[in-house]
Amino acid sequence: MMQFLVPVSTPTGIISHFVNLQVVVPEAFILGSGELHVDMGSTINLVCIIEKGKDLESETNML
């Protein structure tokens, strides 16, 4: 995690605000074996799992 000092303009002047930044790199993979043989026109279902991701809406705070 990195911390930055950010200048913020206000009606009464500029204030400094500390912001913590953590970069999270999600990992994704498809469940099942590494190989799938299907006939042309067949329907398949794939399940993709995403790990180490975050819900951006719940993690975003506006100043």
PDB file of N, CA and C in Angstrom:
ATOM      1  N   MET A   1       0.851  -1.168   0.000  1.00  0.00           N
ATOM      2  CA  MET A   1       0.000   0.000   0.000  1.00  0.00           C
ATOM      3  C   MET A   1       0.899   1.234   0.000  1.00  0.00           C
ATOM      4  N   MET A   2       0.519   2.204  -0.796  1.00  0.00           N
ATOM      5  CA  MET A   2       1.281   3.452  -0.888  1.00  0.00           C
ATOM      6  C   MET A   2       0.405   4.593  -0.401  1.00  0.00           C
ATOM      7  N   GLN A   3       1.039   5.574   0.229  1.00  0.00           N
ATOM      8  CA  GLN A   3       0.306   6.727   0.721  1.00  0.00           C
ATOM      9  C   GLN A   3       0.769   7.974  -0.036  1.00  0.00           C
ATOM     10  N   PHE A   4      -0.201   8.783  -0.489  1.00  0.00           N
ATOM     11  CA  PHE A   4       0.090   9.999  -1.235  1.00  0.00           C
ATOM     12  C   PHE A   4      -0.524  11.189  -0.511  1.00  0.00           C
ATOM     13  N   LEU A   5       0.154  12.321  -0.556  1.00  0.00           N
ATOM     14  CA  LEU A   5      -0.372  13.565  -0.029  1.00  0.00           C
ATOM     15  C   LEU A   5      -0.914  14.350  -1.213  1.00  0.00           C
ATOM     16  N   VAL A   6      -2.237  14.561  -1.236  1.00  0.00           N
ATOM     17  CA  VAL A   6      -2.903  15.157  -2.390  1.00  0.00           C
ATOM     18  C   VAL A   6      -3.449  16.527  -2.014  1.00  0.00           C
ATOM     19  N   PRO A   7      -3.127  17.574  -2.810  1.00  0.00           N
ATOM     20  CA  PRO A   7      -3.733  18.886  -2.554  1.00  0.00           C
ATOM     21  C   PRO A   7      -5.181  18.905  -3.024  1.00  0.00           C
ATOM     22  N   VAL A   8      -6.065  19.452  -2.190  1.00  0.00           N
ATOM     23  CA  VAL A   8      -7.490  19.518  -2.512  1.00  0.00           C
ATOM     24  C   VAL A   8      -7.938  20.970  -2.428  1.00  0.00           C
ATOM     25  N   SER A   9      -8.547  21.466  -3.514  1.00  0.00           N
ATOM     26  CA  SER A   9      -9.053  22.843  -3.523  1.00  0.00           C
ATOM     27  C   SER A   9     -10.364  22.912  -2.766  1.00  0.00           C
ATOM     28  N   THR A  10     -10.503  23.911  -1.892  1.00  0.00           N
ATOM     29  CA  THR A  10     -11.739  24.166  -1.159  1.00  0.00           C
ATOM     30  C   THR A  10     -12.097  25.638  -1.330  1.00  0.00           C
ATOM     31  N   PRO A  11     -13.305  26.030  -0.974  1.00  0.00           N
ATOM     32  CA  PRO A  11     -13.678  27.446  -1.083  1.00  0.00           C
ATOM     33  C   PRO A  11     -12.794  28.368  -0.242  1.00  0.00           C
ATOM     34  N   THR A  12     -12.171  27.830   0.801  1.00  0.00           N
ATOM     35  CA  THR A  12     -11.330  28.654   1.685  1.00  0.00           C
ATOM     36  C   THR A  12      -9.841  28.491   1.399  1.00  0.00           C
ATOM     37  N   GLY A  13      -9.487  27.734   0.381  1.00  0.00           N
ATOM     38  CA  GLY A  13      -8.084  27.540   0.033  1.00  0.00           C
ATOM     39  C   GLY A  13      -7.777  26.088  -0.285  1.00  0.00           C
ATOM     40  N   ILE A  14      -6.507  25.776  -0.253  1.00  0.00           N
ATOM     41  CA  ILE A  14      -6.061  24.414  -0.564  1.00  0.00           C
ATOM     42  C   ILE A  14      -5.697  23.704   0.731  1.00  0.00           C
ATOM     43  N   ILE A  15      -6.203  22.471   0.879  1.00  0.00           N
ATOM     44  CA  ILE A  15      -5.815  21.634   2.011  1.00  0.00           C
ATOM     45  C   ILE A  15      -5.142  20.385   1.471  1.00  0.00           C
ATOM     46  N   SER A  16      -4.397  19.731   2.320  1.00  0.00           N
ATOM     47  CA  SER A  16      -3.746  18.476   1.927  1.00  0.00           C
ATOM     48  C   SER A  16      -4.513  17.308   2.540  1.00  0.00           C
ATOM     49  N   HIS A  17      -4.644  16.263   1.767  1.00  0.00           N
ATOM     50  CA  HIS A  17      -5.378  15.080   2.201  1.00  0.00           C
ATOM     51  C   HIS A  17      -4.549  13.853   1.856  1.00  0.00           C
ATOM     52  N   PHE A  18      -4.353  12.948   2.841  1.00  0.00           N
ATOM     53  CA  PHE A  18      -3.627  11.712   2.582  1.00  0.00           C
ATOM     54  C   PHE A  18      -4.549  10.698   1.916  1.00  0.00           C
ATOM     55  N   VAL A  19      -4.043  10.033   0.887  1.00  0.00           N
ATOM     56  CA  VAL A  19      -4.785   9.002   0.170  1.00  0.00           C
ATOM     57  C   VAL A  19      -3.943   7.732   0.167  1.00  0.00           C
ATOM     58  N   ASN A  20      -4.559   6.621   0.585  1.00  0.00           N
ATOM     59  CA  ASN A  20      -3.892   5.321   0.545  1.00  0.00           C
ATOM     60  C   ASN A  20      -4.294   4.605  -0.730  1.00  0.00           C
ATOM     61  N   LEU A  21      -3.306   4.089  -1.456  1.00  0.00           N
ATOM     62  CA  LEU A  21      -3.558   3.391  -2.710  1.00  0.00           C
ATOM     63  C   LEU A  21      -3.000   1.980  -2.625  1.00  0.00           C
ATOM     64  N   GLN A  22      -3.869   1.020  -2.887  1.00  0.00           N
ATOM     65  CA  GLN A  22      -3.443  -0.379  -2.941  1.00  0.00           C
ATOM     66  C   GLN A  22      -3.890  -0.954  -4.272  1.00  0.00           C
ATOM     67  N   VAL A  23      -2.946  -1.411  -5.066  1.00  0.00           N
ATOM     68  CA  VAL A  23      -3.246  -1.993  -6.367  1.00  0.00           C
ATOM     69  C   VAL A  23      -3.500  -3.483  -6.165  1.00  0.00           C
ATOM     70  N   VAL A  24      -4.680  -3.926  -6.599  1.00  0.00           N
ATOM     71  CA  VAL A  24      -5.063  -5.330  -6.473  1.00  0.00           C
ATOM     72  C   VAL A  24      -5.205  -5.897  -7.882  1.00  0.00           C
ATOM     73  N   VAL A  25      -4.475  -6.963  -8.157  1.00  0.00           N
ATOM     74  CA  VAL A  25      -4.533  -7.593  -9.477  1.00  0.00           C
ATOM     75  C   VAL A  25      -5.361  -8.871  -9.347  1.00  0.00           C
ATOM     76  N   PRO A  26      -6.574  -8.873  -9.911  1.00  0.00           N
ATOM     77  CA  PRO A  26      -7.401 -10.077  -9.822  1.00  0.00           C
ATOM     78  C   PRO A  26      -6.836 -11.220 -10.663  1.00  0.00           C
ATOM     79  N   GLU A  27      -7.183 -12.432 -10.274  1.00  0.00           N
ATOM     80  CA  GLU A  27      -6.804 -13.621 -11.030  1.00  0.00           C
ATOM     81  C   GLU A  27      -8.076 -14.311 -11.480  1.00  0.00           C
ATOM     82  N   ALA A  28      -8.112 -14.762 -12.729  1.00  0.00           N
ATOM     83  CA  ALA A  28      -9.304 -15.430 -13.265  1.00  0.00           C
ATOM     84  C   ALA A  28      -8.912 -16.759 -13.900  1.00  0.00           C
ATOM     85  N   PHE A  29      -9.804 -17.736 -13.749  1.00  0.00           N
ATOM     86  CA  PHE A  29      -9.580 -19.024 -14.413  1.00  0.00           C
ATOM     87  C   PHE A  29     -10.929 -19.666 -14.696  1.00  0.00           C
ATOM     88  N   ILE A  30     -10.939 -20.567 -15.666  1.00  0.00           N
ATOM     89  CA  ILE A  30     -12.148 -21.291 -16.050  1.00  0.00           C
ATOM     90  C   ILE A  30     -12.091 -22.682 -15.441  1.00  0.00           C
ATOM     91  N   LEU A  31     -13.167 -23.045 -14.744  1.00  0.00           N
ATOM     92  CA  LEU A  31     -13.219 -24.371 -14.110  1.00  0.00           C
ATOM     93  C   LEU A  31     -13.249 -25.477 -15.158  1.00  0.00           C
ATOM     94  N   GLY A  32     -12.727 -26.622 -14.785  1.00  0.00           N
ATOM     95  CA  GLY A  32     -12.768 -27.789 -15.661  1.00  0.00           C
ATOM     96  C   GLY A  32     -11.377 -28.173 -16.132  1.00  0.00           C
ATOM     97  N   SER A  33     -11.353 -29.199 -16.981  1.00  0.00           N
ATOM     98  CA  SER A  33     -10.065 -29.638 -17.522  1.00  0.00           C
ATOM     99  C   SER A  33      -9.583 -28.631 -18.560  1.00  0.00           C
ATOM    100  N   GLY A  34      -8.359 -28.734 -18.944  1.00  0.00           N
ATOM    101  CA  GLY A  34      -7.784 -27.778 -19.880  1.00  0.00           C
ATOM    102  C   GLY A  34      -8.242 -27.945 -21.314  1.00  0.00           C
ATOM    103  N   GLU A  35      -8.966 -29.019 -21.601  1.00  0.00           N
ATOM    104  CA  GLU A  35      -9.356 -29.296 -22.980  1.00  0.00           C
ATOM    105  C   GLU A  35     -10.829 -29.674 -23.028  1.00  0.00           C
ATOM    106  N   LEU A  36     -11.517 -29.188 -24.065  1.00  0.00           N
ATOM    107  CA  LEU A  36     -12.942 -29.476 -24.214  1.00  0.00           C
ATOM    108  C   LEU A  36     -13.225 -29.745 -25.687  1.00  0.00           C
ATOM    109  N   HIS A  37     -13.774 -30.914 -25.997  1.00  0.00           N
ATOM    110  CA  HIS A  37     -14.123 -31.274 -27.369  1.00  0.00           C
ATOM    111  C   HIS A  37     -15.641 -31.255 -27.507  1.00  0.00           C
ATOM    112  N   VAL A  38     -16.155 -30.453 -28.430  1.00  0.00           N
ATOM    113  CA  VAL A  38     -17.598 -30.359 -28.652  1.00  0.00           C
ATOM    114  C   VAL A  38     -17.881 -30.388 -30.150  1.00  0.00           C
ATOM    115  N   ASP A  39     -19.093 -30.767 -30.482  1.00  0.00           N
ATOM    116  CA  ASP A  39     -19.518 -30.751 -31.882  1.00  0.00           C
ATOM    117  C   ASP A  39     -19.902 -29.333 -32.273  1.00  0.00           C
ATOM    118  N   MET A  40     -19.754 -29.018 -33.571  1.00  0.00           N
ATOM    119  CA  MET A  40     -20.125 -27.712 -34.073  1.00  0.00           C
ATOM    120  C   MET A  40     -21.605 -27.450 -33.773  1.00  0.00           C
ATOM    121  N   GLY A  41     -21.902 -26.259 -33.257  1.00  0.00           N
ATOM    122  CA  GLY A  41     -23.270 -25.886 -32.936  1.00  0.00           C
ATOM    123  C   GLY A  41     -23.717 -26.315 -31.549  1.00  0.00           C
ATOM    124  N   SER A  42     -22.863 -27.032 -30.826  1.00  0.00           N
ATOM    125  CA  SER A  42     -23.218 -27.473 -29.480  1.00  0.00           C
ATOM    126  C   SER A  42     -23.173 -26.297 -28.505  1.00  0.00           C
ATOM    127  N   THR A  43     -23.940 -26.434 -27.456  1.00  0.00           N
ATOM    128  CA  THR A  43     -23.951 -25.436 -26.395  1.00  0.00           C
ATOM    129  C   THR A  43     -23.034 -25.902 -25.279  1.00  0.00           C
ATOM    130  N   ILE A  44     -22.227 -24.976 -24.748  1.00  0.00           N
ATOM    131  CA  ILE A  44     -21.375 -25.305 -23.605  1.00  0.00           C
ATOM    132  C   ILE A  44     -21.605 -24.256 -22.516  1.00  0.00           C
ATOM    133  N   ASN A  45     -21.340 -24.631 -21.308  1.00  0.00           N
ATOM    134  CA  ASN A  45     -21.384 -23.714 -20.171  1.00  0.00           C
ATOM    135  C   ASN A  45     -19.986 -23.616 -19.592  1.00  0.00           C
ATOM    136  N   LEU A  46     -19.499 -22.400 -19.423  1.00  0.00           N
ATOM    137  CA  LEU A  46     -18.197 -22.169 -18.806  1.00  0.00           C
ATOM    138  C   LEU A  46     -18.409 -21.421 -17.498  1.00  0.00           C
ATOM    139  N   VAL A  47     -17.650 -21.802 -16.486  1.00  0.00           N
ATOM    140  CA  VAL A  47     -17.698 -21.110 -15.205  1.00  0.00           C
ATOM    141  C   VAL A  47     -16.350 -20.438 -15.000  1.00  0.00           C
ATOM    142  N   CYS A  48     -16.376 -19.126 -14.904  1.00  0.00           N
ATOM    143  CA  CYS A  48     -15.158 -18.343 -14.699  1.00  0.00           C
ATOM    144  C   CYS A  48     -15.106 -17.885 -13.248  1.00  0.00           C
ATOM    145  N   ILE A  49     -14.004 -18.164 -12.584  1.00  0.00           N
ATOM    146  CA  ILE A  49     -13.808 -17.773 -11.192  1.00  0.00           C
ATOM    147  C   ILE A  49     -12.816 -16.605 -11.152  1.00  0.00           C
ATOM    148  N   ILE A  50     -13.201 -15.553 -10.442  1.00  0.00           N
ATOM    149  CA  ILE A  50     -12.317 -14.399 -10.289  1.00  0.00           C
ATOM    150  C   ILE A  50     -11.951 -14.290  -8.813  1.00  0.00           C
ATOM    151  N   GLU A  51     -10.653 -14.301  -8.531  1.00  0.00           N
ATOM    152  CA  GLU A  51     -10.160 -14.195  -7.163  1.00  0.00           C
ATOM    153  C   GLU A  51      -9.329 -12.931  -7.009  1.00  0.00           C
ATOM    154  N   LYS A  52      -9.202 -12.497  -5.790  1.00  0.00           N
ATOM    155  CA  LYS A  52      -8.408 -11.317  -5.421  1.00  0.00           C
ATOM    156  C   LYS A  52      -8.951 -10.037  -6.049  1.00  0.00           C
ATOM    157  N   GLY A  53     -10.205 -10.028  -6.407  1.00  0.00           N
ATOM    158  CA  GLY A  53     -10.831  -8.829  -6.947  1.00  0.00           C
ATOM    159  C   GLY A  53     -11.591  -8.118  -5.849  1.00  0.00           C
ATOM    160  N   LYS A  54     -11.967  -6.888  -6.091  1.00  0.00           N
ATOM    161  CA  LYS A  54     -12.740  -6.122  -5.123  1.00  0.00           C
ATOM    162  C   LYS A  54     -13.943  -5.514  -5.802  1.00  0.00           C
ATOM    163  N   ASP A  55     -14.986  -5.320  -5.036  1.00  0.00           N
ATOM    164  CA  ASP A  55     -16.184  -4.638  -5.521  1.00  0.00           C
ATOM    165  C   ASP A  55     -15.874  -3.151  -5.557  1.00  0.00           C
ATOM    166  N   LEU A  56     -15.730  -2.584  -6.752  1.00  0.00           N
ATOM    167  CA  LEU A  56     -15.328  -1.187  -6.879  1.00  0.00           C
ATOM    168  C   LEU A  56     -16.320  -0.230  -6.244  1.00  0.00           C
ATOM    169  N   GLU A  57     -17.608  -0.511  -6.316  1.00  0.00           N
ATOM    170  CA  GLU A  57     -18.594   0.388  -5.740  1.00  0.00           C
ATOM    171  C   GLU A  57     -18.452   0.507  -4.236  1.00  0.00           C
ATOM    172  N   SER A  58     -18.162  -0.587  -3.555  1.00  0.00           N
ATOM    173  CA  SER A  58     -18.045  -0.537  -2.095  1.00  0.00           C
ATOM    174  C   SER A  58     -16.684  -0.005  -1.651  1.00  0.00           C
ATOM    175  N   GLU A  59     -15.692   0.000  -2.535  1.00  0.00           N
ATOM    176  CA  GLU A  59     -14.352   0.449  -2.171  1.00  0.00           C
ATOM    177  C   GLU A  59     -14.053   1.877  -2.594  1.00  0.00           C
ATOM    178  N   THR A  60     -14.971   2.532  -3.297  1.00  0.00           N
ATOM    179  CA  THR A  60     -14.724   3.867  -3.799  1.00  0.00           C
ATOM    180  C   THR A  60     -15.394   4.894  -2.905  1.00  0.00           C
ATOM    181  N   ASN A  61     -14.591   5.807  -2.387  1.00  0.00           N
ATOM    182  CA  ASN A  61     -15.113   6.878  -1.545  1.00  0.00           C
ATOM    183  C   ASN A  61     -14.753   8.214  -2.159  1.00  0.00           C
ATOM    184  N   MET A  62     -15.753   9.058  -2.332  1.00  0.00           N
ATOM    185  CA  MET A  62     -15.507  10.389  -2.892  1.00  0.00           C
ATOM    186  C   MET A  62     -15.196  11.358  -1.745  1.00  0.00           C
ATOM    187  N   LEU A  63     -14.324  12.321  -2.040  1.00  0.00           N
ATOM    188  CA  LEU A  63     -13.981  13.339  -1.023  1.00  0.00           C
ATOM    189  C   LEU A  63     -15.091  14.338  -0.886  1.00  0.00           C
TER     190      LEU A  63
END
